[in-house]
């Protein structure tokens, strides 16, 4: 199983100052989809998917983004990656705030 620190690295690969190379977009998209799935499973196992309104909102966004294909065109694809990384980040942070996952520093 992928360590939680690796999820933070995936977020940084997209949201850092320097954009990832277009040749990496597909690989990064798959990693982010996996990160979203892992966090969704964690949230649902903890019961937060049913009770915490903020977690529920993030889970809905995660489901929508995971089901969307990576768009054609580099600008659209990068925008999609940024939205996915943002949801991963927001969900991860909320799960840390609610003590479901340990905050990674």
N, C-alpha and C. Protein backbone atom coordinates (compact mmCIF):
# COMPACT_ATOMS: atom_id res chain seq x y z
N UNK A 1 0.84 -1.18 0.00
CA UNK A 1 0.00 0.00 0.00
C UNK A 1 0.89 1.24 0.00
N UNK A 2 0.49 2.20 -0.76
CA UNK A 2 1.23 3.45 -0.91
C UNK A 2 1.20 4.25 0.39
N UNK A 3 2.36 4.71 0.87
CA UNK A 3 2.37 5.51 2.09
C UNK A 3 1.66 6.86 1.88
N UNK A 4 1.09 7.39 2.94
CA UNK A 4 0.40 8.67 2.85
C UNK A 4 1.32 9.79 2.40
N UNK A 5 2.60 9.70 2.73
CA UNK A 5 3.57 10.72 2.29
C UNK A 5 3.65 10.78 0.77
N UNK A 6 3.45 9.65 0.11
CA UNK A 6 3.50 9.61 -1.35
C UNK A 6 2.31 10.36 -1.95
N UNK A 7 1.19 10.38 -1.25
CA UNK A 7 0.04 11.15 -1.71
C UNK A 7 0.38 12.63 -1.70
N UNK A 8 1.05 13.07 -0.66
CA UNK A 8 1.48 14.47 -0.58
C UNK A 8 2.44 14.79 -1.72
N UNK A 9 3.31 13.86 -2.05
CA UNK A 9 4.23 14.05 -3.18
C UNK A 9 3.46 14.19 -4.49
N UNK A 10 2.43 13.37 -4.68
CA UNK A 10 1.62 13.44 -5.90
C UNK A 10 0.94 14.81 -6.01
N UNK A 11 0.44 15.31 -4.91
CA UNK A 11 -0.19 16.63 -4.89
C UNK A 11 0.84 17.68 -5.32
N UNK A 12 2.04 17.60 -4.73
CA UNK A 12 3.10 18.55 -5.04
C UNK A 12 3.54 18.49 -6.49
N UNK A 13 3.49 17.30 -7.09
CA UNK A 13 3.89 17.17 -8.49
C UNK A 13 3.01 18.02 -9.41
N UNK A 14 1.78 18.27 -9.00
CA UNK A 14 0.84 19.02 -9.83
C UNK A 14 0.72 20.48 -9.38
N UNK A 15 0.72 20.70 -8.08
CA UNK A 15 0.45 22.05 -7.57
C UNK A 15 1.70 22.86 -7.28
N UNK A 16 2.86 22.31 -7.58
CA UNK A 16 4.12 23.04 -7.37
C UNK A 16 4.21 24.20 -8.36
N UNK A 17 5.18 25.06 -8.14
CA UNK A 17 5.36 26.21 -9.02
C UNK A 17 5.61 25.81 -10.47
N UNK A 18 6.35 24.75 -10.67
CA UNK A 18 6.66 24.29 -12.02
C UNK A 18 5.69 23.19 -12.43
N UNK A 19 5.04 23.39 -13.58
CA UNK A 19 4.08 22.40 -14.08
C UNK A 19 4.80 21.11 -14.46
N UNK A 20 4.11 19.99 -14.29
CA UNK A 20 4.71 18.72 -14.74
C UNK A 20 4.81 18.70 -16.26
N UNK A 21 5.69 17.83 -16.77
CA UNK A 21 5.81 17.69 -18.22
C UNK A 21 4.56 17.02 -18.77
N UNK A 22 4.17 17.43 -19.94
CA UNK A 22 2.97 16.88 -20.57
C UNK A 22 3.08 15.37 -20.75
N UNK A 23 4.28 14.88 -20.97
CA UNK A 23 4.48 13.44 -21.15
C UNK A 23 4.17 12.66 -19.86
N UNK A 24 4.10 13.34 -18.72
CA UNK A 24 3.81 12.70 -17.43
C UNK A 24 2.33 12.78 -17.04
N UNK A 25 1.53 13.51 -17.80
CA UNK A 25 0.14 13.75 -17.41
C UNK A 25 -0.63 12.46 -17.16
N UNK A 26 -0.52 11.50 -18.06
CA UNK A 26 -1.27 10.25 -17.91
C UNK A 26 -0.90 9.50 -16.65
N UNK A 27 0.39 9.41 -16.39
CA UNK A 27 0.87 8.71 -15.19
C UNK A 27 0.41 9.42 -13.92
N UNK A 28 0.51 10.74 -13.92
CA UNK A 28 0.10 11.52 -12.75
C UNK A 28 -1.40 11.38 -12.53
N UNK A 29 -2.18 11.39 -13.61
CA UNK A 29 -3.63 11.23 -13.48
C UNK A 29 -3.97 9.89 -12.83
N UNK A 30 -3.29 8.83 -13.24
CA UNK A 30 -3.54 7.52 -12.64
C UNK A 30 -3.17 7.50 -11.16
N UNK A 31 -2.04 8.11 -10.82
CA UNK A 31 -1.65 8.16 -9.40
C UNK A 31 -2.68 8.92 -8.59
N UNK A 32 -3.15 10.07 -9.11
CA UNK A 32 -4.13 10.87 -8.39
C UNK A 32 -5.46 10.12 -8.25
N UNK A 33 -5.86 9.39 -9.29
CA UNK A 33 -7.09 8.59 -9.18
C UNK A 33 -6.93 7.54 -8.08
N UNK A 34 -5.75 6.92 -8.02
CA UNK A 34 -5.48 5.96 -6.95
C UNK A 34 -5.49 6.61 -5.59
N UNK A 35 -4.92 7.82 -5.50
CA UNK A 35 -4.92 8.55 -4.23
C UNK A 35 -6.34 8.87 -3.79
N UNK A 36 -7.16 9.32 -4.74
CA UNK A 36 -8.56 9.61 -4.42
C UNK A 36 -9.28 8.36 -3.93
N UNK A 37 -9.06 7.26 -4.62
CA UNK A 37 -9.70 6.01 -4.22
C UNK A 37 -9.28 5.61 -2.81
N UNK A 38 -8.01 5.71 -2.53
CA UNK A 38 -7.51 5.34 -1.20
C UNK A 38 -8.15 6.20 -0.12
N UNK A 39 -8.21 7.52 -0.35
CA UNK A 39 -8.79 8.41 0.65
C UNK A 39 -10.30 8.19 0.79
N UNK A 40 -10.97 7.87 -0.30
CA UNK A 40 -12.40 7.56 -0.25
C UNK A 40 -12.63 6.32 0.61
N UNK A 41 -11.83 5.30 0.40
CA UNK A 41 -11.95 4.06 1.18
C UNK A 41 -11.71 4.36 2.67
N UNK A 42 -10.68 5.14 2.96
CA UNK A 42 -10.38 5.50 4.36
C UNK A 42 -11.55 6.26 4.97
N UNK A 43 -12.07 7.25 4.26
CA UNK A 43 -13.18 8.06 4.78
C UNK A 43 -14.41 7.20 5.02
N UNK A 44 -14.72 6.33 4.08
CA UNK A 44 -15.90 5.48 4.23
C UNK A 44 -15.72 4.47 5.36
N UNK A 45 -14.54 3.92 5.51
CA UNK A 45 -14.27 2.96 6.59
C UNK A 45 -14.41 3.63 7.95
N UNK A 46 -14.04 4.91 8.02
CA UNK A 46 -14.14 5.64 9.28
C UNK A 46 -15.54 6.16 9.55
N UNK A 47 -16.41 6.06 8.55
CA UNK A 47 -17.76 6.56 8.71
C UNK A 47 -17.91 8.03 8.41
N UNK A 48 -16.82 8.70 8.06
CA UNK A 48 -16.89 10.13 7.77
C UNK A 48 -17.64 10.42 6.47
N UNK A 49 -17.72 9.43 5.60
CA UNK A 49 -18.43 9.64 4.35
C UNK A 49 -19.92 9.83 4.55
N UNK A 50 -20.40 9.47 5.74
CA UNK A 50 -21.83 9.59 6.03
C UNK A 50 -22.16 10.76 6.96
N UNK A 51 -21.17 11.23 7.73
CA UNK A 51 -21.49 12.19 8.77
C UNK A 51 -20.95 13.59 8.58
N UNK A 52 -19.74 13.72 8.13
CA UNK A 52 -19.10 15.02 8.02
C UNK A 52 -19.46 15.65 6.67
N UNK A 53 -20.18 16.77 6.71
CA UNK A 53 -20.65 17.41 5.47
C UNK A 53 -19.51 17.79 4.55
N UNK A 54 -18.41 18.26 5.11
CA UNK A 54 -17.27 18.66 4.29
C UNK A 54 -16.64 17.44 3.61
N UNK A 55 -16.50 16.36 4.36
CA UNK A 55 -15.97 15.13 3.77
C UNK A 55 -16.90 14.64 2.67
N UNK A 56 -18.20 14.68 2.91
CA UNK A 56 -19.18 14.24 1.90
C UNK A 56 -19.03 15.05 0.62
N UNK A 57 -18.85 16.35 0.75
CA UNK A 57 -18.67 17.22 -0.42
C UNK A 57 -17.40 16.83 -1.18
N UNK A 58 -16.31 16.60 -0.46
CA UNK A 58 -15.06 16.20 -1.10
C UNK A 58 -15.19 14.83 -1.77
N UNK A 59 -15.92 13.92 -1.12
CA UNK A 59 -16.11 12.59 -1.70
C UNK A 59 -16.89 12.67 -3.01
N UNK A 60 -17.89 13.53 -3.05
CA UNK A 60 -18.66 13.70 -4.29
C UNK A 60 -17.78 14.25 -5.40
N UNK A 61 -16.98 15.25 -5.08
CA UNK A 61 -16.05 15.82 -6.08
C UNK A 61 -15.05 14.76 -6.52
N UNK A 62 -14.58 13.95 -5.58
CA UNK A 62 -13.61 12.90 -5.91
C UNK A 62 -14.24 11.90 -6.87
N UNK A 63 -15.47 11.50 -6.60
CA UNK A 63 -16.15 10.55 -7.48
C UNK A 63 -16.30 11.12 -8.89
N UNK A 64 -16.70 12.35 -8.99
CA UNK A 64 -16.88 12.99 -10.29
C UNK A 64 -15.57 13.06 -11.05
N UNK A 65 -14.52 13.52 -10.41
CA UNK A 65 -13.23 13.67 -11.09
C UNK A 65 -12.60 12.34 -11.45
N UNK A 66 -12.75 11.34 -10.59
CA UNK A 66 -12.18 10.01 -10.89
C UNK A 66 -12.83 9.40 -12.12
N UNK A 67 -14.09 9.71 -12.34
CA UNK A 67 -14.81 9.10 -13.45
C UNK A 67 -14.57 9.82 -14.78
N UNK A 68 -14.01 11.01 -14.74
CA UNK A 68 -13.75 11.78 -15.96
C UNK A 68 -12.42 11.36 -16.58
N UNK A 69 -12.42 11.26 -17.90
CA UNK A 69 -11.18 10.97 -18.62
C UNK A 69 -10.31 12.22 -18.66
N UNK A 70 -9.02 11.99 -18.77
CA UNK A 70 -8.09 13.10 -18.91
C UNK A 70 -8.37 13.78 -20.24
N UNK A 71 -8.70 15.07 -20.24
CA UNK A 71 -9.05 15.76 -21.48
C UNK A 71 -7.89 15.83 -22.47
N UNK A 72 -8.23 15.93 -23.73
CA UNK A 72 -7.22 16.20 -24.76
C UNK A 72 -6.81 17.67 -24.65
N UNK A 73 -5.62 17.94 -25.06
CA UNK A 73 -5.12 19.31 -24.98
C UNK A 73 -4.41 19.54 -23.68
N UNK A 74 -3.23 20.10 -23.77
CA UNK A 74 -2.40 20.22 -22.57
C UNK A 74 -2.99 21.15 -21.52
N UNK A 75 -3.60 22.25 -21.91
CA UNK A 75 -4.17 23.18 -20.92
C UNK A 75 -5.34 22.55 -20.19
N UNK A 76 -6.21 21.88 -20.94
CA UNK A 76 -7.36 21.23 -20.32
C UNK A 76 -6.92 20.08 -19.42
N UNK A 77 -5.94 19.31 -19.88
CA UNK A 77 -5.45 18.18 -19.08
C UNK A 77 -4.79 18.68 -17.79
N UNK A 78 -3.99 19.74 -17.90
CA UNK A 78 -3.35 20.29 -16.71
C UNK A 78 -4.40 20.83 -15.73
N UNK A 79 -5.42 21.47 -16.24
CA UNK A 79 -6.51 21.95 -15.39
C UNK A 79 -7.19 20.81 -14.66
N UNK A 80 -7.42 19.71 -15.37
CA UNK A 80 -8.04 18.54 -14.75
C UNK A 80 -7.14 17.97 -13.66
N UNK A 81 -5.84 17.87 -13.94
CA UNK A 81 -4.90 17.37 -12.93
C UNK A 81 -4.90 18.27 -11.70
N UNK A 82 -4.95 19.58 -11.92
CA UNK A 82 -4.97 20.51 -10.79
C UNK A 82 -6.24 20.35 -9.97
N UNK A 83 -7.37 20.14 -10.63
CA UNK A 83 -8.62 19.93 -9.88
C UNK A 83 -8.53 18.64 -9.07
N UNK A 84 -8.02 17.58 -9.68
CA UNK A 84 -7.88 16.31 -8.94
C UNK A 84 -6.93 16.48 -7.77
N UNK A 85 -5.79 17.12 -7.99
CA UNK A 85 -4.83 17.32 -6.90
C UNK A 85 -5.44 18.18 -5.80
N UNK A 86 -6.24 19.15 -6.17
CA UNK A 86 -6.91 19.99 -5.18
C UNK A 86 -7.88 19.20 -4.32
N UNK A 87 -8.63 18.30 -4.94
CA UNK A 87 -9.57 17.47 -4.18
C UNK A 87 -8.81 16.49 -3.29
N UNK A 88 -7.74 15.90 -3.81
CA UNK A 88 -6.91 15.01 -2.98
C UNK A 88 -6.42 15.78 -1.77
N UNK A 89 -5.90 16.97 -2.00
CA UNK A 89 -5.37 17.80 -0.92
C UNK A 89 -6.47 18.16 0.09
N UNK A 90 -7.62 18.63 -0.41
CA UNK A 90 -8.71 19.03 0.49
C UNK A 90 -9.23 17.86 1.31
N UNK A 91 -9.40 16.71 0.67
CA UNK A 91 -9.89 15.53 1.39
C UNK A 91 -8.86 15.05 2.41
N UNK A 92 -7.61 15.02 2.00
CA UNK A 92 -6.55 14.61 2.91
C UNK A 92 -6.51 15.53 4.13
N UNK A 93 -6.56 16.84 3.89
CA UNK A 93 -6.52 17.80 5.00
C UNK A 93 -7.71 17.62 5.94
N UNK A 94 -8.90 17.41 5.36
CA UNK A 94 -10.09 17.25 6.21
C UNK A 94 -10.00 15.97 7.03
N UNK A 95 -9.50 14.90 6.42
CA UNK A 95 -9.35 13.66 7.17
C UNK A 95 -8.31 13.81 8.27
N UNK A 96 -7.30 14.64 8.05
CA UNK A 96 -6.31 14.92 9.10
C UNK A 96 -6.94 15.76 10.22
N UNK A 97 -7.76 16.75 9.83
CA UNK A 97 -8.43 17.60 10.83
C UNK A 97 -9.35 16.79 11.73
N UNK A 98 -9.97 15.77 11.17
CA UNK A 98 -10.90 14.94 11.94
C UNK A 98 -10.21 13.71 12.55
N UNK A 99 -8.88 13.70 12.48
CA UNK A 99 -8.06 12.64 13.07
C UNK A 99 -8.32 11.26 12.48
N UNK A 100 -8.73 11.22 11.24
CA UNK A 100 -8.91 9.95 10.55
C UNK A 100 -7.57 9.47 10.00
N UNK A 101 -6.79 10.40 9.48
CA UNK A 101 -5.42 10.10 9.04
C UNK A 101 -4.47 10.99 9.82
N UNK A 102 -3.26 10.55 9.90
CA UNK A 102 -2.23 11.31 10.58
C UNK A 102 -1.72 12.38 9.63
N UNK A 103 -1.61 13.60 10.13
CA UNK A 103 -1.10 14.69 9.31
C UNK A 103 0.36 14.39 8.92
N UNK A 104 0.66 14.65 7.67
CA UNK A 104 2.02 14.41 7.16
C UNK A 104 2.72 15.75 7.07
N UNK A 105 3.89 15.85 7.66
CA UNK A 105 4.58 17.13 7.67
C UNK A 105 5.76 17.15 6.87
